[in-house]
Protein backbone atom coordinates (compact mmCIF):
# COMPACT_ATOMS: atom_id res chain seq x y z
CA GLY A 1 -17.80 72.44 19.26
CA THR A 2 -14.86 72.93 21.54
CA THR A 3 -14.30 72.77 25.29
CA PRO A 4 -11.58 73.67 27.78
CA LEU A 5 -10.02 70.84 29.79
CA ALA A 6 -11.73 69.96 33.05
CA ASP A 7 -9.70 70.88 36.15
CA ARG A 8 -7.63 73.30 34.09
CA LEU A 9 -9.61 76.50 34.36
CA PRO A 10 -7.53 79.67 34.67
CA SER A 11 -6.99 80.89 38.21
CA SER A 12 -8.33 84.30 37.22
CA ILE A 13 -10.10 85.70 34.19
CA ASP A 14 -7.97 88.80 34.60
CA ASP A 15 -4.58 87.09 34.27
CA GLY A 16 -4.56 87.59 30.49
CA GLU A 17 -3.84 83.92 29.81
CA GLU A 18 -5.93 82.56 26.96
CA GLU A 19 -7.60 79.32 27.90
CA PRO A 20 -6.84 76.49 25.43
CA VAL A 21 -9.82 74.64 23.96
CA PHE A 22 -10.03 71.26 22.28
CA PRO A 23 -12.50 69.61 19.87
CA LEU A 24 -15.49 67.98 21.55
CA SER A 25 -17.52 65.50 19.54
CA VAL A 26 -18.93 62.14 20.50
CA ALA A 27 -19.96 58.91 18.80
CA PHE A 28 -22.83 56.67 19.92
CA CYS A 29 -23.21 52.93 19.30
CA GLY A 30 -26.87 51.94 19.09
CA ASP A 31 -25.99 48.26 19.56
CA CYS A 32 -24.22 48.52 22.92
CA SER A 33 -25.09 52.10 24.08
CA LEU A 34 -21.43 53.15 24.20
CA VAL A 35 -20.87 56.91 24.07
CA GLN A 36 -17.29 57.89 23.38
CA ILE A 37 -15.36 61.08 22.71
CA THR A 38 -13.89 60.90 19.21
CA GLU A 39 -10.90 63.21 19.79
CA THR A 40 -7.82 62.47 21.89
CA VAL A 41 -5.93 65.15 23.82
CA ASN A 42 -2.18 64.65 24.12
CA PRO A 43 -1.61 62.91 27.50
CA ARG A 44 1.24 65.33 28.28
CA ILE A 45 -1.32 68.13 28.21
CA LEU A 46 -4.18 66.22 29.80
CA PHE A 47 -2.23 64.79 32.75
CA ALA A 48 0.32 67.57 33.27
CA ASP A 49 1.49 68.63 36.72
CA ALA A 50 -0.47 67.18 39.62
CA TYR A 51 -3.43 65.49 37.93
CA PRO A 52 -6.17 65.93 40.57
CA TYR A 53 -8.97 63.72 39.27
CA TYR A 54 -10.13 60.57 41.01
CA SER A 55 -13.69 59.61 40.18
CA SER A 56 -14.45 58.02 43.53
CA PHE A 57 -14.18 61.36 45.35
CA SER A 58 -17.41 62.60 43.75
CA GLN A 59 -20.56 61.31 45.45
CA ALA A 60 -22.68 62.45 42.50
CA LEU A 61 -20.49 60.50 40.07
CA LEU A 62 -20.58 57.43 42.32
CA ARG A 63 -24.41 57.54 42.40
CA HIS A 64 -24.56 58.05 38.64
CA SER A 65 -22.22 55.12 37.95
CA ARG A 66 -24.18 52.87 40.33
CA ASP A 67 -27.47 53.75 38.63
CA ASN A 68 -25.91 53.36 35.17
CA ALA A 69 -24.50 49.92 36.03
CA ARG A 70 -27.83 48.77 37.47
CA ASP A 71 -29.62 49.94 34.33
CA LEU A 72 -27.17 48.17 32.01
CA ILE A 73 -27.30 44.98 34.10
CA GLU A 74 -31.07 44.93 33.75
CA ARG A 75 -31.30 46.00 30.08
CA ARG A 76 -28.51 43.67 28.90
CA ASN A 77 -29.47 40.80 31.24
CA LEU A 78 -25.95 40.66 32.67
CA ASP A 79 -25.21 37.93 35.20
CA ALA A 80 -22.37 35.76 36.52
CA SER A 81 -21.86 34.33 33.03
CA SER A 82 -21.24 37.82 31.60
CA PHE A 83 -17.92 39.66 31.51
CA VAL A 84 -17.54 43.44 31.80
CA VAL A 85 -14.49 45.36 30.57
CA GLU A 86 -14.06 49.09 31.07
CA LEU A 87 -11.13 50.70 29.30
CA ALA A 88 -9.41 53.58 31.08
CA SER A 89 -11.35 52.86 34.25
CA ASN A 90 -9.57 55.51 36.34
CA ASP A 91 -9.78 54.22 39.92
CA GLY A 92 -12.27 51.40 39.25
CA TYR A 93 -15.33 53.18 40.65
CA LEU A 94 -17.67 51.93 37.87
CA LEU A 95 -16.50 48.30 37.78
CA LYS A 96 -17.06 48.01 41.54
CA ASN A 97 -20.81 48.05 40.85
CA TYR A 98 -20.58 45.02 38.57
CA VAL A 99 -18.43 43.11 41.07
CA GLU A 100 -21.00 43.81 43.80
CA ALA A 101 -23.68 42.37 41.48
CA GLY A 102 -21.62 39.18 41.04
CA ILE A 103 -20.58 39.96 37.47
CA PRO A 104 -16.94 39.23 36.54
CA VAL A 105 -14.84 42.18 35.39
CA LEU A 106 -11.39 42.72 33.92
């Protein structure tokens, strides 16, 4: 399907401006449990104006990332000999959980 960009909703449904939508499809890797969006939005569109998104301001997202990291640490038997890399890690909120567990990160 398609989806509008997050944090880009029109200020009013009555302003007559048509909201742009973009393809939304994901791929899943059964080997490593990675879920990834398969389409890329032009960064000039995605990060235009004052980009307001910092993951660490959302308590719900912080809890979710903590629980997700704990689950992956347990299921993948991650420890100090492991190495975690997160691409496009925003403000580092997810990697912090691995560091706190003594797991090296990039």
